[in-house]
C-alpha cells in the first residue's frame, strides 16, 4: 500500500500497527465496542465493483478542509481506506442480508500539519443504505479533561440512504464514551445527531474537490457529559450536512448558539487509487 507524501515514515509505521481511537500523545486506555457480530460471517474481500459504502475502493482517500466562522483554515481531516471486506447479516431466521464493510484510518491535522488525533473508522453498506461511523462525529474536546482514563467507545452508525427522499426523517447516530478509572465509573461523554431530516435536494454544490449533486440534511447536534444519571451537561446546536449519494459527505456546517456558522468541514480532494 502506498501512502501520500504528507505521511511521514514514522506515521506510516504507526498506521501499520493499528492505532486505536486516542488523541495523539494521549496515554489513556481506550476500547471500542464493536457492532453486534453474532449474526455476521466474514466472506472474501469483494471485487472493486462491489457495493462498498460511497463507491470506495482500496486506498480511496478523502481530504476535508476545516474552516472557522470567518472562513480561515484551521486544519484537515484525511481519511484513507485500509481494508474492504464482506459479511452476511442475519436479520431474521429466513433473511440474510449481504453487507460490505470498509475500514478507514482517519487523521485530524492542525493547520501546521501536525497530527492531533488518529482514529479507526468503520463504514458499512447494506440494502439501499450506506452508514458512516458515529465515532467520526465525536466532539473530541469533551474528552480533554479525561486524559489517562479508560475510554470505552460505543458508536451508533449514521445512516445515509442511496436514494434520499426530501422530507424524510433519518435515524439518530453518533457515539457515547464511557469514562472510568481502574475502580469507578466517572462519566459518559456523547455526541449524537438527532432529528435528522432531508430538507432539500438534489442541487449542485461546488467544493475544491469538484461539483456534486447533494441533498441537504439538517440535524440537532447534541453533546453531553453525564457524571451520573440525574446530572447532565448538554449543548445542542444545528448541524447541516450536504450529502452526495455515491460520494459521501461533501460539506458539513456546524452552527453556534447564536445561529451562525461556527465551523465548516468541506471535501477538498477525493482520490481513488488506480491500483
Protein backbone atom coordinates (compact mmCIF):
# COMPACT_ATOMS: atom_id res chain seq x y z
CA UNK A 1 0.00 0.00 0.00
CA UNK A 2 1.36 3.41 -0.98
CA UNK A 3 0.88 6.42 1.27
CA UNK A 4 0.77 10.08 0.14
CA UNK A 5 3.84 12.23 0.60
CA UNK A 6 2.47 14.09 3.60
CA UNK A 7 2.63 10.88 5.69
CA UNK A 8 5.98 10.78 7.49
CA UNK A 9 7.85 7.44 7.79
CA UNK A 10 7.06 7.40 11.49
CA UNK A 11 3.35 7.85 10.84
CA UNK A 12 3.36 5.12 8.19
CA UNK A 13 4.97 2.78 10.69
CA UNK A 14 2.31 3.65 13.24
CA UNK A 15 -0.53 3.09 10.80
CA UNK A 16 0.66 -0.43 10.03
CA UNK A 17 0.42 -1.38 13.68
CA UNK A 18 -3.20 -0.19 14.04
CA UNK A 19 -3.50 2.82 16.27
CA UNK A 20 -6.84 2.90 18.08
CA UNK A 21 -9.23 5.74 18.97
CA UNK A 22 -7.00 8.03 21.01
CA UNK A 23 -5.72 11.57 20.77
CA UNK A 24 -2.11 11.99 19.73
CA UNK A 25 0.25 11.53 22.69
CA UNK A 26 -2.72 10.54 24.91
CA UNK A 27 -1.79 7.72 27.27
CA UNK A 28 -5.35 6.79 28.22
CA UNK A 29 -6.60 3.23 27.72
CA UNK A 30 -9.39 3.06 25.15
CA UNK A 31 -11.71 0.32 23.93
CA UNK A 32 -14.21 0.35 21.12
CA UNK A 33 -17.46 -1.58 21.42
CA UNK A 34 -17.84 -3.25 18.04
CA UNK A 35 -21.23 -3.53 16.37
CA UNK A 36 -23.04 -6.80 17.15
CA UNK A 37 -21.20 -9.60 15.38
CA UNK A 38 -23.24 -12.63 16.42
CA UNK A 39 -25.04 -12.63 13.08
CA UNK A 40 -22.05 -11.79 10.89
CA UNK A 41 -19.94 -14.23 8.88
CA UNK A 42 -16.76 -12.95 7.21
CA UNK A 43 -16.51 -13.59 3.49
CA UNK A 44 -13.82 -12.95 0.90
CA UNK A 45 -12.68 -9.44 0.01
CA UNK A 46 -15.13 -8.13 -2.61
CA UNK A 47 -14.20 -7.18 -6.14
CA UNK A 48 -13.62 -3.46 -6.78
CA UNK A 49 -17.10 -3.11 -8.31
CA UNK A 50 -18.81 -4.46 -5.17
CA UNK A 51 -21.35 -2.25 -3.39
CA UNK A 52 -18.99 -0.59 -0.92
CA UNK A 53 -20.14 2.46 1.01
CA UNK A 54 -19.95 5.54 -1.24
CA UNK A 55 -18.26 3.55 -4.02
CA UNK A 56 -15.00 3.26 -2.11
CA UNK A 57 -12.12 1.19 -3.42
CA UNK A 58 -8.81 0.14 -1.88
CA UNK A 59 -6.71 3.20 -0.96
CA UNK A 60 -9.54 5.65 -1.64
CA UNK A 61 -8.58 8.89 0.09
CA UNK A 62 -10.76 11.78 1.29
CA UNK A 63 -9.29 15.09 2.40
CA UNK A 64 -11.55 17.54 4.23
CA UNK A 65 -10.52 21.11 4.98
CA UNK A 66 -11.76 22.57 8.26
CA UNK A 67 -12.55 26.30 8.46
CA UNK A 68 -13.63 28.54 11.32
CA UNK A 69 -16.54 31.02 11.39
CA UNK A 70 -14.51 33.55 9.41
CA UNK A 71 -13.57 31.08 6.68
CA UNK A 72 -9.97 30.71 7.91
CA UNK A 73 -8.48 27.20 7.51
CA UNK A 74 -7.81 25.57 10.89
CA UNK A 75 -6.83 22.06 9.87
CA UNK A 76 -7.62 18.98 7.80
CA UNK A 77 -9.17 15.55 8.17
CA UNK A 78 -7.53 12.88 6.00
CA UNK A 79 -9.25 9.53 5.59
CA UNK A 80 -7.88 6.52 3.72
CA UNK A 81 -9.42 3.12 3.04
CA UNK A 82 -7.39 0.33 4.67
CA UNK A 83 -9.45 -2.82 4.07
CA UNK A 84 -12.57 -3.91 2.20
CA UNK A 85 -14.48 -6.97 3.39
CA UNK A 86 -17.93 -8.52 3.08
CA UNK A 87 -20.23 -10.20 5.56
CA UNK A 88 -23.69 -11.65 5.87
CA UNK A 89 -26.04 -10.18 8.46
CA UNK A 90 -28.84 -12.40 9.70
CA UNK A 91 -31.85 -10.15 10.25
CA UNK A 92 -34.30 -12.97 10.92
CA UNK A 93 -34.48 -16.75 10.73
CA UNK A 94 -35.13 -16.56 6.99
CA UNK A 95 -33.49 -13.30 6.00
CA UNK A 96 -29.75 -12.94 5.41
CA UNK A 97 -28.54 -9.60 4.07
CA UNK A 98 -25.13 -9.09 2.40
CA UNK A 99 -23.13 -6.28 3.96
CA UNK A 100 -20.00 -4.52 2.71
CA UNK A 101 -17.56 -3.30 5.36
CA UNK A 102 -14.89 -0.63 4.84
CA UNK A 103 -12.27 0.20 7.46
CA UNK A 104 -10.50 3.56 7.29
CA UNK A 105 -7.72 5.44 9.04
CA UNK A 106 -8.80 8.98 9.84
CA UNK A 107 -6.27 11.61 10.90
CA UNK A 108 -7.03 15.08 12.20
CA UNK A 109 -4.20 17.52 11.42
CA UNK A 110 -3.60 21.03 12.67
CA UNK A 111 -3.07 23.96 10.32
CA UNK A 112 0.66 23.35 10.81
CA UNK A 113 0.32 19.78 9.52
CA UNK A 114 0.73 18.25 12.98
CA UNK A 115 -1.21 15.08 13.81
CA UNK A 116 -3.77 15.83 16.51
CA UNK A 117 -5.79 12.62 16.58
CA UNK A 118 -5.86 9.32 14.74
CA UNK A 119 -8.97 7.11 14.57
CA UNK A 120 -10.05 3.77 13.16
CA UNK A 121 -13.43 4.13 11.46
CA UNK A 122 -15.85 1.54 10.06
CA UNK A 123 -18.19 2.39 7.16
CA UNK A 124 -20.86 -0.10 6.08
CA UNK A 125 -23.25 -0.63 3.19
CA UNK A 126 -26.29 -2.91 3.02
CA UNK A 127 -29.52 -2.96 1.06
CA UNK A 128 -30.07 0.64 -0.11
CA UNK A 129 -28.18 2.46 2.66
CA UNK A 130 -24.59 3.40 3.50
CA UNK A 131 -23.50 4.02 7.09
CA UNK A 132 -20.72 6.28 8.35
CA UNK A 133 -19.09 5.63 11.71
CA UNK A 134 -20.71 7.57 14.55
CA UNK A 135 -17.26 7.92 16.08
CA UNK A 136 -16.38 10.43 13.37
CA UNK A 137 -18.90 12.87 14.88
CA UNK A 138 -17.38 12.84 18.37
CA UNK A 139 -16.65 16.20 19.94
CA UNK A 140 -13.12 15.21 20.94
CA UNK A 141 -12.60 18.36 23.01
CA UNK A 142 -15.05 16.95 25.53
CA UNK A 143 -12.50 14.24 26.37
CA UNK A 144 -9.59 16.60 27.04
CA UNK A 145 -10.32 16.65 30.76
CA UNK A 146 -10.28 12.85 30.95
CA UNK A 147 -6.70 12.09 29.99
CA UNK A 148 -5.13 8.96 31.47
CA UNK A 149 -8.57 7.39 31.93
CA UNK A 150 -10.08 4.27 30.42
CA UNK A 151 -12.31 5.13 27.46
CA UNK A 152 -14.84 2.65 26.04
CA UNK A 153 -16.44 3.79 22.76
CA UNK A 154 -19.94 2.74 21.68
CA UNK A 155 -20.65 4.14 18.19
CA UNK A 156 -24.08 4.26 16.55
CA UNK A 157 -23.75 4.20 12.73
CA UNK A 158 -25.15 7.21 10.86
CA UNK A 159 -27.45 6.16 8.00
CA UNK A 160 -27.30 7.71 4.52
CA UNK A 161 -29.87 6.32 2.04
CA UNK A 162 -28.71 5.81 -1.53
CA UNK A 163 -31.94 7.42 -2.77
CA UNK A 164 -32.92 10.13 -0.26
CA UNK A 165 -36.47 11.48 -0.19
CA UNK A 166 -36.98 15.15 0.61
CA UNK A 167 -38.97 15.49 3.83
CA UNK A 168 -37.99 12.07 5.20
CA UNK A 169 -36.61 11.53 8.70
CA UNK A 170 -33.33 9.65 9.18
CA UNK A 171 -32.29 7.61 12.24
CA UNK A 172 -30.19 9.14 15.03
CA UNK A 173 -26.48 8.37 15.05
CA UNK A 174 -23.31 9.26 16.92
CA UNK A 175 -21.20 7.87 19.74
CA UNK A 176 -21.08 7.57 23.51
CA UNK A 177 -17.89 7.11 25.51
CA UNK A 178 -17.80 5.55 28.97
CA UNK A 179 -15.02 7.15 31.01
CA UNK A 180 -13.71 5.26 34.04
CA UNK A 181 -10.73 4.72 36.28
CA UNK A 182 -9.46 1.35 37.43
CA UNK A 183 -12.05 1.26 40.21
CA UNK A 184 -15.01 3.52 39.38
CA UNK A 185 -17.09 4.90 36.50
CA UNK A 186 -16.51 8.63 36.06
CA UNK A 187 -18.84 9.88 33.32
CA UNK A 188 -20.43 9.23 29.94
CA UNK A 189 -19.46 11.59 27.12
CA UNK A 190 -21.58 11.58 23.98
CA UNK A 191 -22.18 13.32 20.68
CA UNK A 192 -25.44 12.37 18.95
CA UNK A 193 -27.12 13.67 15.79
CA UNK A 194 -30.86 13.78 16.46
CA UNK A 195 -33.95 14.81 14.48
CA UNK A 196 -32.15 14.24 11.18
CA UNK A 197 -34.23 15.27 8.19
CA UNK A 198 -33.67 15.56 4.43
CA UNK A 199 -34.82 19.14 3.78
CA UNK A 200 -33.96 19.69 0.10
CA UNK A 201 -32.14 18.43 -2.97
CA UNK A 202 -30.65 17.37 -5.13
CA UNK A 203 -28.80 20.58 -6.01
CA UNK A 204 -25.28 21.33 -7.20
CA UNK A 205 -22.58 22.16 -4.69
CA UNK A 206 -19.04 23.05 -5.72
CA UNK A 207 -16.02 22.41 -3.48
CA UNK A 208 -12.27 22.22 -4.22
CA UNK A 209 -12.86 18.52 -4.99
CA UNK A 210 -15.41 19.25 -7.73
CA UNK A 211 -19.14 19.82 -8.24
CA UNK A 212 -21.56 17.34 -6.68
CA UNK A 213 -25.31 16.77 -6.68
CA UNK A 214 -26.19 16.97 -2.98
CA UNK A 215 -29.09 16.59 -0.59
CA UNK A 216 -29.26 18.92 2.40
CA UNK A 217 -29.69 17.07 5.71
CA UNK A 218 -30.34 19.03 8.90
CA UNK A 219 -29.89 17.66 12.42
CA UNK A 220 -29.63 18.67 16.05
CA UNK A 221 -26.10 18.01 17.27
CA UNK A 222 -26.26 17.19 20.97
CA UNK A 223 -23.05 16.96 23.00
CA UNK A 224 -23.32 15.83 26.61
CA UNK A 225 -21.20 14.94 29.61
CA UNK A 226 -23.10 12.91 32.20
CA UNK A 227 -21.32 12.27 35.52
CA UNK A 228 -24.40 10.45 36.87
CA UNK A 229 -27.91 9.66 35.59
CA UNK A 230 -29.52 12.64 37.32
CA UNK A 231 -26.89 15.13 36.16
CA UNK A 232 -26.04 16.01 32.57
CA UNK A 233 -24.35 18.97 30.94
CA UNK A 234 -25.76 19.26 27.41
CA UNK A 235 -25.18 21.54 24.46
CA UNK A 236 -27.40 21.41 21.37
CA UNK A 237 -26.60 23.17 18.10
CA UNK A 238 -27.62 22.84 14.48
CA UNK A 239 -25.66 20.72 12.00
CA UNK A 240 -26.19 20.70 8.25
CA UNK A 241 -24.67 18.01 6.02
CA UNK A 242 -24.57 18.14 2.23
CA UNK A 243 -24.70 14.54 1.11
CA UNK A 244 -23.96 13.22 -2.39
CA UNK A 245 -25.09 9.60 -2.92
CA UNK A 246 -22.21 7.50 -4.20
CA UNK A 247 -19.67 10.03 -2.91
CA UNK A 248 -20.46 10.70 0.75
CA UNK A 249 -20.50 13.85 2.85
CA UNK A 250 -19.32 16.79 0.76
CA UNK A 251 -19.76 19.60 3.27
CA UNK A 252 -20.68 19.88 6.95
CA UNK A 253 -21.71 23.10 8.70
CA UNK A 254 -21.89 23.30 12.50
CA UNK A 255 -23.70 26.31 13.89
CA UNK A 256 -23.11 28.08 17.20
CA UNK A 257 -25.67 29.02 19.82
CA UNK A 258 -26.05 32.38 18.06
CA UNK A 259 -27.38 30.60 14.98
CA UNK A 260 -24.37 31.48 12.83
CA UNK A 261 -21.91 29.07 11.23
CA UNK A 262 -19.13 28.24 13.68
CA UNK A 263 -17.24 25.58 11.71
CA UNK A 264 -17.21 24.18 8.17
CA UNK A 265 -15.73 20.89 7.00
CA UNK A 266 -15.53 20.70 3.21
CA UNK A 267 -14.32 18.00 0.83
CA UNK A 268 -11.09 19.29 -0.71
CA UNK A 269 -9.98 16.11 -2.54
CA UNK A 270 -11.28 12.65 -3.32
CA UNK A 271 -8.64 10.35 -4.72
CA UNK A 272 -9.24 6.78 -5.88
CA UNK A 273 -6.14 4.66 -6.38
CA UNK A 274 -5.65 3.14 -9.82
CA UNK A 275 -4.18 0.02 -8.24
